[in-house]
Amino acid sequence: MQEENNHSTDKSEPPIEAKNGAAQSEIPASPWIRASHLPQLFCSWDLAYRCVQSGWLKPVVQGKRRTIYRFADVLSCMRRIEAGEMPHPRGNIKCPA
């Protein structure tokens, strides 16, 4: 009999598994995060934008069509938000001191 593909020689990393068992291919297992993935991680484009504008999140690479952030920096922003701290709001709204 002919042996089918041997998966033990496959050196690619498996995709991230979701809670329901479905594979998520949108967010790779990497120390780098693209700007397009930020809304998925923060559950809000506005919150991700406010973190960047407040200086909490700075790009590692910023080019014409690509912006990349460190995943560790994204997690530190999330920890600050979970602790009750919020980035500055957008527009001319004043933050209470």
Protein backbone atom coordinates (compact mmCIF):
# COMPACT_ATOMS: atom_id res chain seq x y z
CA MET A 1 0.00 0.00 0.00
CA GLN A 2 1.09 3.50 -0.71
CA GLU A 3 1.39 5.67 2.37
CA GLU A 4 -0.50 8.98 2.28
CA ASN A 5 1.08 12.30 3.28
CA ASN A 6 3.12 11.92 6.44
CA HIS A 7 2.19 14.91 8.60
CA SER A 8 5.14 14.43 10.96
CA THR A 9 7.50 15.94 8.38
CA ASP A 10 5.35 19.07 7.97
CA LYS A 11 7.29 21.94 9.57
CA SER A 12 4.58 24.61 9.31
CA GLU A 13 2.92 25.80 12.49
CA PRO A 14 -0.70 24.82 13.06
CA PRO A 15 -3.30 27.61 12.94
CA ILE A 16 -4.66 29.06 16.16
CA GLU A 17 -7.64 27.07 17.40
CA ALA A 18 -10.79 28.93 18.35
CA LYS A 19 -12.87 27.91 21.38
CA ASN A 20 -15.37 26.13 19.18
CA GLY A 21 -12.62 24.12 17.44
CA ALA A 22 -12.66 26.11 14.19
CA ALA A 23 -9.31 27.30 12.87
CA GLN A 24 -8.77 31.06 12.77
CA SER A 25 -6.55 32.03 9.88
CA GLU A 26 -7.09 35.78 10.30
CA ILE A 27 -4.68 36.28 13.24
CA PRO A 28 -1.43 34.35 12.87
CA ALA A 29 0.61 33.06 15.80
CA SER A 30 3.36 35.65 15.54
CA PRO A 31 5.06 38.30 17.69
CA TRP A 32 3.92 40.90 15.12
CA ILE A 33 0.41 42.23 14.53
CA ARG A 34 -0.78 44.05 11.42
CA ALA A 35 -2.86 47.18 11.80
CA SER A 36 -5.75 45.41 10.07
CA HIS A 37 -5.87 42.88 12.95
CA LEU A 38 -6.16 45.50 15.70
CA PRO A 39 -9.97 45.92 15.52
CA GLN A 40 -10.40 42.15 15.99
CA LEU A 41 -8.12 42.12 19.02
CA PHE A 42 -9.61 45.21 20.67
CA CYS A 43 -13.17 44.40 19.50
CA SER A 44 -13.34 47.99 18.30
CA TRP A 45 -11.56 50.01 15.61
CA ASP A 46 -12.13 53.18 17.65
CA LEU A 47 -10.45 51.76 20.75
CA ALA A 48 -7.44 50.58 18.73
CA TYR A 49 -7.19 54.01 17.05
CA ARG A 50 -7.37 55.78 20.42
CA CYS A 51 -4.56 53.58 21.81
CA VAL A 52 -2.37 54.56 18.86
CA GLN A 53 -3.25 58.26 19.08
CA SER A 54 -2.60 58.31 22.85
CA GLY A 55 0.88 56.92 22.34
CA TRP A 56 0.16 53.63 24.11
CA LEU A 57 0.76 51.68 20.93
CA LYS A 58 3.60 52.59 18.60
CA PRO A 59 4.29 50.89 15.27
CA VAL A 60 7.49 48.91 14.83
CA VAL A 61 7.25 49.23 11.04
CA GLN A 62 5.23 51.94 9.36
CA GLY A 63 5.18 52.19 5.60
CA LYS A 64 2.90 53.40 2.88
CA ARG A 65 0.67 50.32 2.91
CA ARG A 66 1.76 48.40 6.00
CA THR A 67 1.87 49.11 9.69
CA ILE A 68 3.08 46.45 12.11
CA TYR A 69 2.91 46.45 15.91
CA ARG A 70 4.49 44.21 18.55
CA PHE A 71 2.01 41.75 20.03
CA ALA A 72 3.48 42.41 23.50
CA ASP A 73 2.64 46.12 23.13
CA VAL A 74 -0.94 45.25 22.15
CA LEU A 75 -1.24 43.06 25.25
CA SER A 76 0.10 45.85 27.49
CA CYS A 77 -2.60 48.18 26.10
CA MET A 78 -5.21 45.56 26.88
CA ARG A 79 -3.90 45.21 30.44
CA ARG A 80 -4.14 48.98 30.94
CA ILE A 81 -7.73 48.97 29.68
CA GLU A 82 -8.65 45.99 31.88
CA ALA A 83 -7.18 47.85 34.87
CA GLY A 84 -9.65 50.70 34.23
CA GLU A 85 -7.44 53.14 32.35
CA MET A 86 -8.80 54.42 29.04
CA PRO A 87 -6.97 56.19 26.19
CA HIS A 88 -7.93 59.75 25.28
CA PRO A 89 -11.22 60.04 23.42
CA ARG A 90 -11.30 61.09 19.78
CA GLY A 91 -12.10 64.64 18.70
CA ASN A 92 -12.43 67.70 20.88
CA ILE A 93 -13.94 65.93 23.88
CA LYS A 94 -12.08 66.81 27.08
CA CYS A 95 -11.11 64.05 29.50
CA PRO A 96 -12.07 64.57 33.13
CA ALA A 97 -8.94 65.14 35.20
